[in-house]
């Protein structure tokens, strides 16, 4: 009898060990998988690897499915969203057409001379262009680092929704301004502007879609110090 009781107790213990009781709180699941690691919003995404830029124009890991779901669940999306996707120099640069701006070529310009003079011939010659050589792009960022240093996903090219920004980046920051004499001691300076863009937090999808603020390159200007 004692042997049978011990045997029964052993079976109950084994069954309890292999099948935990159904009480308590199970581990939360997110998006169909169990969250097992901490998501650091300040960590640069794969699209920004080996880059000093604070934004990505291409993103192989862009969560298009999640963004589409967030749009469909957001009843205020139409009030949050706004964009002018046809931006160009035609309406943003006085006295200059989009065709003229896109034709600017600064491949000849080095920003400084390797000879005896602080300026070589490329400083004085060359085709039309801005006094500070720059790269201009009317782009639709896919990810960007906000003003708090956290990376967000930008709603772009999803359900035909886009958010366009004019990005102008100095090709030769701190180099002398084109066509100015050395006595001015001029230099090209990068300028930025704050953009408000509809965003998604990949580390906290339950936030849904919200407006966040980003610091993006807006102009390359010539600065002349006091003489």
C-alpha atoms as a PDB file:
ATOM      1  CA  UNK A   1       0.000   0.000   0.000  1.00  0.00           C
ATOM      2  CA  UNK A   2       2.799   2.402   0.935  1.00  0.00           C
ATOM      3  CA  UNK A   3       4.609   1.595  -2.296  1.00  0.00           C
ATOM      4  CA  UNK A   4       1.463   2.381  -4.345  1.00  0.00           C
ATOM      5  CA  UNK A   5       1.017   5.739  -2.553  1.00  0.00           C
ATOM      6  CA  UNK A   6       4.627   6.699  -3.254  1.00  0.00           C
ATOM      7  CA  UNK A   7       4.186   5.727  -6.891  1.00  0.00           C
ATOM      8  CA  UNK A   8       1.027   7.854  -7.245  1.00  0.00           C
ATOM      9  CA  UNK A   9       2.699  10.884  -5.625  1.00  0.00           C
ATOM     10  CA  UNK A  10       5.678  10.542  -7.989  1.00  0.00           C
ATOM     11  CA  UNK A  11       3.382  10.537 -11.028  1.00  0.00           C
ATOM     12  CA  UNK A  12       1.542  13.650  -9.803  1.00  0.00           C
ATOM     13  CA  UNK A  13       4.850  15.453  -9.232  1.00  0.00           C
ATOM     14  CA  UNK A  14       6.090  14.553 -12.700  1.00  0.00           C
ATOM     15  CA  UNK A  15       2.860  15.714 -14.330  1.00  0.00           C
ATOM     16  CA  UNK A  16       2.964  19.017 -12.435  1.00  0.00           C
ATOM     17  CA  UNK A  17       6.591  19.630 -13.444  1.00  0.00           C
ATOM     18  CA  UNK A  18       5.928  19.029 -17.131  1.00  0.00           C
ATOM     19  CA  UNK A  19       2.592  20.882 -17.186  1.00  0.00           C
ATOM     20  CA  UNK A  20       2.691  24.038 -15.019  1.00  0.00           C
ATOM     21  CA  UNK A  21      -0.639  25.126 -13.488  1.00  0.00           C
ATOM     22  CA  UNK A  22      -2.666  27.506 -15.678  1.00  0.00           C
ATOM     23  CA  UNK A  23      -2.651  30.395 -13.194  1.00  0.00           C
ATOM     24  CA  UNK A  24      -0.379  33.436 -13.101  1.00  0.00           C
ATOM     25  CA  UNK A  25       0.438  35.882 -15.904  1.00  0.00           C
ATOM     26  CA  UNK A  26       2.012  34.491 -19.084  1.00  0.00           C
ATOM     27  CA  UNK A  27       4.931  36.322 -20.707  1.00  0.00           C
ATOM     28  CA  UNK A  28       3.651  39.062 -23.018  1.00  0.00           C
ATOM     29  CA  UNK A  29       3.831  38.596 -26.760  1.00  0.00           C
ATOM     30  CA  UNK A  30       4.381  41.382 -29.281  1.00  0.00           C
ATOM     31  CA  UNK A  31       3.570  41.056 -32.948  1.00  0.00           C
ATOM     32  CA  UNK A  32       3.314  37.253 -32.734  1.00  0.00           C
ATOM     33  CA  UNK A  33       6.655  36.635 -31.025  1.00  0.00           C
ATOM     34  CA  UNK A  34       7.848  36.734 -27.451  1.00  0.00           C
ATOM     35  CA  UNK A  35       9.902  39.814 -26.645  1.00  0.00           C
ATOM     36  CA  UNK A  36      13.270  38.636 -25.367  1.00  0.00           C
ATOM     37  CA  UNK A  37      15.502  41.686 -25.656  1.00  0.00           C
ATOM     38  CA  UNK A  38      15.508  45.392 -24.883  1.00  0.00           C
ATOM     39  CA  UNK A  39      14.972  47.725 -27.827  1.00  0.00           C
ATOM     40  CA  UNK A  40      17.302  50.725 -27.669  1.00  0.00           C
ATOM     41  CA  UNK A  41      15.723  53.680 -29.546  1.00  0.00           C
ATOM     42  CA  UNK A  42      19.080  55.484 -29.661  1.00  0.00           C
ATOM     43  CA  UNK A  43      20.850  52.616 -31.453  1.00  0.00           C
ATOM     44  CA  UNK A  44      21.491  53.365 -35.130  1.00  0.00           C
ATOM     45  CA  UNK A  45      19.515  51.103 -37.501  1.00  0.00           C
ATOM     46  CA  UNK A  46      21.162  48.947 -40.148  1.00  0.00           C
ATOM     47  CA  UNK A  47      20.440  51.536 -42.847  1.00  0.00           C
ATOM     48  CA  UNK A  48      22.669  54.042 -41.001  1.00  0.00           C
ATOM     49  CA  UNK A  49      25.583  51.677 -40.448  1.00  0.00           C
ATOM     50  CA  UNK A  50      28.961  53.118 -41.465  1.00  0.00           C
ATOM     51  CA  UNK A  51      27.377  56.528 -42.014  1.00  0.00           C
ATOM     52  CA  UNK A  52      27.512  59.834 -40.167  1.00  0.00           C
ATOM     53  CA  UNK A  53      24.086  60.872 -41.486  1.00  0.00           C
ATOM     54  CA  UNK A  54      21.156  61.119 -39.096  1.00  0.00           C
ATOM     55  CA  UNK A  55      18.646  59.886 -41.664  1.00  0.00           C
ATOM     56  CA  UNK A  56      18.169  57.059 -44.181  1.00  0.00           C
ATOM     57  CA  UNK A  57      16.743  57.518 -47.660  1.00  0.00           C
ATOM     58  CA  UNK A  58      16.812  53.753 -48.261  1.00  0.00           C
ATOM     59  CA  UNK A  59      15.899  51.117 -45.688  1.00  0.00           C
ATOM     60  CA  UNK A  60      15.909  47.393 -46.419  1.00  0.00           C
ATOM     61  CA  UNK A  61      14.256  46.741 -43.037  1.00  0.00           C
ATOM     62  CA  UNK A  62      11.460  49.294 -43.431  1.00  0.00           C
ATOM     63  CA  UNK A  63       8.380  47.967 -41.548  1.00  0.00           C
ATOM     64  CA  UNK A  64       5.845  48.678 -44.302  1.00  0.00           C
ATOM     65  CA  UNK A  65       3.309  46.132 -42.985  1.00  0.00           C
ATOM     66  CA  UNK A  66       3.329  47.664 -39.495  1.00  0.00           C
ATOM     67  CA  UNK A  67       2.995  51.200 -40.903  1.00  0.00           C
ATOM     68  CA  UNK A  68       0.026  50.168 -43.066  1.00  0.00           C
ATOM     69  CA  UNK A  69      -1.652  48.613 -40.025  1.00  0.00           C
ATOM     70  CA  UNK A  70      -1.028  51.744 -37.943  1.00  0.00           C
ATOM     71  CA  UNK A  71      -2.536  53.947 -40.682  1.00  0.00           C
ATOM     72  CA  UNK A  72      -5.663  51.797 -40.938  1.00  0.00           C
ATOM     73  CA  UNK A  73      -6.146  51.909 -37.138  1.00  0.00           C
ATOM     74  CA  UNK A  74      -5.593  55.671 -36.783  1.00  0.00           C
ATOM     75  CA  UNK A  75      -8.892  57.534 -37.139  1.00  0.00           C
ATOM     76  CA  UNK A  76      -7.081  60.895 -37.022  1.00  0.00           C
ATOM     77  CA  UNK A  77      -4.539  60.037 -39.712  1.00  0.00           C
ATOM     78  CA  UNK A  78      -6.066  62.385 -42.287  1.00  0.00           C
ATOM     79  CA  UNK A  79      -5.696  65.305 -39.868  1.00  0.00           C
ATOM     80  CA  UNK A  80      -2.072  64.465 -39.034  1.00  0.00           C
ATOM     81  CA  UNK A  81      -0.837  63.846 -42.562  1.00  0.00           C
ATOM     82  CA  UNK A  82       0.291  66.563 -44.980  1.00  0.00           C
ATOM     83  CA  UNK A  83       2.775  66.651 -47.848  1.00  0.00           C
ATOM     84  CA  UNK A  84       3.624  68.388 -51.107  1.00  0.00           C
ATOM     85  CA  UNK A  85       5.350  65.668 -53.060  1.00  0.00           C
ATOM     86  CA  UNK A  86       6.042  67.836 -56.119  1.00  0.00           C
ATOM     87  CA  UNK A  87       8.567  70.127 -54.397  1.00  0.00           C
ATOM     88  CA  UNK A  88      11.344  71.470 -56.628  1.00  0.00           C
ATOM     89  CA  UNK A  89      13.367  74.601 -57.310  1.00  0.00           C
ATOM     90  CA  UNK A  90      10.460  75.776 -59.469  1.00  0.00           C
ATOM     91  CA  UNK A  91       8.557  76.791 -56.345  1.00  0.00           C
ATOM     92  CA  UNK A  92      11.217  76.833 -53.602  1.00  0.00           C
ATOM     93  CA  UNK A  93      14.124  78.791 -55.153  1.00  0.00           C
ATOM     94  CA  UNK A  94      13.476  82.289 -56.523  1.00  0.00           C
ATOM     95  CA  UNK A  95      14.768  82.938 -60.023  1.00  0.00           C
ATOM     96  CA  UNK A  96      15.900  79.371 -60.618  1.00  0.00           C
ATOM     97  CA  UNK A  97      14.195  76.441 -62.331  1.00  0.00           C
ATOM     98  CA  UNK A  98      14.332  72.808 -61.296  1.00  0.00           C
ATOM     99  CA  UNK A  99      16.143  71.989 -64.546  1.00  0.00           C
ATOM    100  CA  UNK A 100      18.851  74.581 -63.843  1.00  0.00           C
ATOM    101  CA  UNK A 101      19.375  73.434 -60.280  1.00  0.00           C
ATOM    102  CA  UNK A 102      19.624  69.769 -61.221  1.00  0.00           C
ATOM    103  CA  UNK A 103      22.255  70.634 -63.866  1.00  0.00           C
ATOM    104  CA  UNK A 104      24.710  72.180 -61.392  1.00  0.00           C
ATOM    105  CA  UNK A 105      27.972  70.213 -61.454  1.00  0.00           C
ATOM    106  CA  UNK A 106      30.710  70.823 -58.884  1.00  0.00           C
ATOM    107  CA  UNK A 107      32.911  67.936 -59.865  1.00  0.00           C
ATOM    108  CA  UNK A 108      35.671  70.352 -60.833  1.00  0.00           C
ATOM    109  CA  UNK A 109      35.794  72.136 -57.470  1.00  0.00           C
ATOM    110  CA  UNK A 110      38.228  71.001 -54.751  1.00  0.00           C
ATOM    111  CA  UNK A 111      37.584  73.698 -52.166  1.00  0.00           C
ATOM    112  CA  UNK A 112      41.285  74.441 -51.793  1.00  0.00           C
ATOM    113  CA  UNK A 113      44.462  74.525 -53.831  1.00  0.00           C
ATOM    114  CA  UNK A 114      47.438  72.202 -53.684  1.00  0.00           C
ATOM    115  CA  UNK A 115      49.726  74.924 -55.031  1.00  0.00           C
ATOM    116  CA  UNK A 116      51.249  78.088 -53.623  1.00  0.00           C
ATOM    117  CA  UNK A 117      47.954  79.994 -53.721  1.00  0.00           C
ATOM    118  CA  UNK A 118      45.124  79.148 -51.292  1.00  0.00           C
ATOM    119  CA  UNK A 119      42.867  78.986 -54.357  1.00  0.00           C
ATOM    120  CA  UNK A 120      43.464  77.180 -57.599  1.00  0.00           C
ATOM    121  CA  UNK A 121      41.863  77.902 -60.961  1.00  0.00           C
ATOM    122  CA  UNK A 122      38.764  75.877 -60.049  1.00  0.00           C
ATOM    123  CA  UNK A 123      37.943  78.501 -57.444  1.00  0.00           C
ATOM    124  CA  UNK A 124      37.503  81.196 -60.065  1.00  0.00           C
ATOM    125  CA  UNK A 125      36.290  79.200 -63.055  1.00  0.00           C
ATOM    126  CA  UNK A 126      33.498  76.745 -63.642  1.00  0.00           C
ATOM    127  CA  UNK A 127      29.852  76.632 -64.726  1.00  0.00           C
ATOM    128  CA  UNK A 128      26.844  78.146 -62.967  1.00  0.00           C
ATOM    129  CA  UNK A 129      26.023  77.077 -59.434  1.00  0.00           C
ATOM    130  CA  UNK A 130      25.764  78.114 -55.826  1.00  0.00           C
ATOM    131  CA  UNK A 131      28.619  80.007 -54.197  1.00  0.00           C
ATOM    132  CA  UNK A 132      28.977  77.073 -51.814  1.00  0.00           C
ATOM    133  CA  UNK A 133      28.925  73.761 -53.704  1.00  0.00           C
ATOM    134  CA  UNK A 134      26.175  71.556 -52.326  1.00  0.00           C
ATOM    135  CA  UNK A 135      24.137  68.475 -53.040  1.00  0.00           C
ATOM    136  CA  UNK A 136      20.395  69.144 -53.288  1.00  0.00           C
ATOM    137  CA  UNK A 137      17.837  66.357 -53.006  1.00  0.00           C
ATOM    138  CA  UNK A 138      14.061  66.467 -52.772  1.00  0.00           C
ATOM    139  CA  UNK A 139      13.908  63.333 -50.699  1.00  0.00           C
ATOM    140  CA  UNK A 140      11.568  61.152 -48.664  1.00  0.00           C
ATOM    141  CA  UNK A 141      13.463  59.870 -45.597  1.00  0.00           C
ATOM    142  CA  UNK A 142      12.540  56.393 -44.401  1.00  0.00           C
ATOM    143  CA  UNK A 143      14.153  56.667 -40.956  1.00  0.00           C
ATOM    144  CA  UNK A 144      15.658  59.557 -39.042  1.00  0.00           C
ATOM    145  CA  UNK A 145      17.056  60.505 -35.662  1.00  0.00           C
ATOM    146  CA  UNK A 146      14.795  62.935 -33.837  1.00  0.00           C
ATOM    147  CA  UNK A 147      15.960  65.935 -31.815  1.00  0.00           C
ATOM    148  CA  UNK A 148      16.094  63.729 -28.698  1.00  0.00           C
ATOM    149  CA  UNK A 149      18.594  61.387 -30.373  1.00  0.00           C
ATOM    150  CA  UNK A 150      16.107  58.546 -30.891  1.00  0.00           C
ATOM    151  CA  UNK A 151      15.590  56.812 -34.241  1.00  0.00           C
ATOM    152  CA  UNK A 152      12.091  56.767 -35.683  1.00  0.00           C
ATOM    153  CA  UNK A 153      10.488  55.306 -38.783  1.00  0.00           C
ATOM    154  CA  UNK A 154       9.050  57.983 -41.100  1.00  0.00           C
ATOM    155  CA  UNK A 155       5.757  57.338 -42.884  1.00  0.00           C
ATOM    156  CA  UNK A 156       6.853  57.296 -46.525  1.00  0.00           C
ATOM    157  CA  UNK A 157       5.763  55.524 -49.699  1.00  0.00           C
ATOM    158  CA  UNK A 158       3.092  53.523 -47.863  1.00  0.00           C
ATOM    159  CA  UNK A 159      -0.445  53.462 -49.321  1.00  0.00           C
ATOM    160  CA  UNK A 160       0.806  56.253 -51.632  1.00  0.00           C
ATOM    161  CA  UNK A 161       1.500  58.503 -48.624  1.00  0.00           C
ATOM    162  CA  UNK A 162       4.803  60.404 -48.748  1.00  0.00           C
ATOM    163  CA  UNK A 163       6.582  63.108 -46.763  1.00  0.00           C
ATOM    164  CA  UNK A 164       9.044  65.148 -48.816  1.00  0.00           C
ATOM    165  CA  UNK A 165      11.857  67.377 -47.586  1.00  0.00           C
ATOM    166  CA  UNK A 166      14.379  69.523 -49.443  1.00  0.00           C
ATOM    167  CA  UNK A 167      17.814  68.391 -48.238  1.00  0.00           C
ATOM    168  CA  UNK A 168      20.822  70.547 -49.121  1.00  0.00           C
ATOM    169  CA  UNK A 169      24.193  69.312 -47.896  1.00  0.00           C
ATOM    170  CA  UNK A 170      27.585  71.026 -48.201  1.00  0.00           C
ATOM    171  CA  UNK A 171      29.949  69.139 -50.505  1.00  0.00           C
ATOM    172  CA  UNK A 172      32.969  70.877 -48.949  1.00  0.00           C
ATOM    173  CA  UNK A 173      32.063  72.063 -45.441  1.00  0.00           C
ATOM    174  CA  UNK A 174      34.517  74.643 -44.039  1.00  0.00           C
ATOM    175  CA  UNK A 175      36.078  75.086 -47.494  1.00  0.00           C
ATOM    176  CA  UNK A 176      36.417  78.560 -48.975  1.00  0.00           C
ATOM    177  CA  UNK A 177      33.363  79.990 -50.671  1.00  0.00           C
ATOM    178  CA  UNK A 178      33.573  79.865 -54.448  1.00  0.00           C
ATOM    179  CA  UNK A 179      34.630  83.065 -56.279  1.00  0.00           C
ATOM    180  CA  UNK A 180      35.564  85.046 -53.139  1.00  0.00           C
ATOM    181  CA  UNK A 181      39.098  86.391 -52.725  1.00  0.00           C
ATOM    182  CA  UNK A 182      41.314  84.803 -49.996  1.00  0.00           C
ATOM    183  CA  UNK A 183      41.363  88.057 -47.991  1.00  0.00           C
ATOM    184  CA  UNK A 184      37.718  87.484 -47.000  1.00  0.00           C
ATOM    185  CA  UNK A 185      38.644  84.239 -45.161  1.00  0.00           C
ATOM    186  CA  UNK A 186      35.224  82.887 -46.036  1.00  0.00           C
ATOM    187  CA  UNK A 187      34.007  79.346 -45.484  1.00  0.00           C
ATOM    188  CA  UNK A 188      30.992  77.247 -46.398  1.00  0.00           C
ATOM    189  CA  UNK A 189      28.744  76.497 -43.431  1.00  0.00           C
ATOM    190  CA  UNK A 190      26.090  73.816 -43.136  1.00  0.00           C
ATOM    191  CA  UNK A 191      22.667  75.052 -42.029  1.00  0.00           C
ATOM    192  CA  UNK A 192      19.798  72.936 -40.696  1.00  0.00           C
ATOM    193  CA  UNK A 193      16.054  73.237 -40.292  1.00  0.00           C
ATOM    194  CA  UNK A 194      13.582  71.457 -38.007  1.00  0.00           C
ATOM    195  CA  UNK A 195      11.014  69.291 -39.806  1.00  0.00           C
ATOM    196  CA  UNK A 196       7.821  67.925 -38.262  1.00  0.00           C
ATOM    197  CA  UNK A 197       7.027  64.524 -39.762  1.00  0.00           C
ATOM    198  CA  UNK A 198       4.493  61.776 -39.103  1.00  0.00           C
ATOM    199  CA  UNK A 199       6.417  59.000 -37.408  1.00  0.00           C
ATOM    200  CA  UNK A 200       6.349  55.493 -35.899  1.00  0.00           C
ATOM    201  CA  UNK A 201       8.398  54.181 -32.982  1.00  0.00           C
ATOM    202  CA  UNK A 202       9.693  50.651 -33.777  1.00  0.00           C
ATOM    203  CA  UNK A 203      10.603  50.203 -30.098  1.00  0.00           C
ATOM    204  CA  UNK A 204       7.064  51.013 -28.932  1.00  0.00           C
ATOM    205  CA  UNK A 205       4.507  50.174 -31.638  1.00  0.00           C
ATOM    206  CA  UNK A 206       1.622  50.798 -29.235  1.00  0.00           C
ATOM    207  CA  UNK A 207       2.217  54.545 -29.610  1.00  0.00           C
ATOM    208  CA  UNK A 208       0.758  54.353 -33.099  1.00  0.00           C
ATOM    209  CA  UNK A 209       1.492  57.263 -35.423  1.00  0.00           C
ATOM    210  CA  UNK A 210       2.580  60.630 -34.035  1.00  0.00           C
ATOM    211  CA  UNK A 211       4.332  63.855 -35.062  1.00  0.00           C
ATOM    212  CA  UNK A 212       8.040  64.014 -34.230  1.00  0.00           C
ATOM    213  CA  UNK A 213      10.703  66.639 -34.919  1.00  0.00           C
ATOM    214  CA  UNK A 214      13.910  66.123 -36.918  1.00  0.00           C
ATOM    215  CA  UNK A 215      16.946  68.296 -37.627  1.00  0.00           C
ATOM    216  CA  UNK A 216      17.753  67.984 -41.333  1.00  0.00           C
ATOM    217  CA  UNK A 217      20.291  69.780 -43.599  1.00  0.00           C
ATOM    218  CA  UNK A 218      18.619  72.744 -45.279  1.00  0.00           C
ATOM    219  CA  UNK A 219      21.293  74.947 -46.869  1.00  0.00           C
ATOM    220  CA  UNK A 220      25.012  75.453 -47.452  1.00  0.00           C
ATOM    221  CA  UNK A 221      25.756  79.137 -46.853  1.00  0.00           C
ATOM    222  CA  UNK A 222      28.859  81.252 -47.234  1.00  0.00           C
ATOM    223  CA  UNK A 223      30.040  82.806 -43.975  1.00  0.00           C
ATOM    224  CA  UNK A 224      32.391  85.789 -43.943  1.00  0.00           C
ATOM    225  CA  UNK A 225      33.881  86.600 -40.510  1.00  0.00           C
ATOM    226  CA  UNK A 226      34.341  90.121 -39.177  1.00  0.00           C
ATOM    227  CA  UNK A 227      37.508  91.690 -40.572  1.00  0.00           C
END
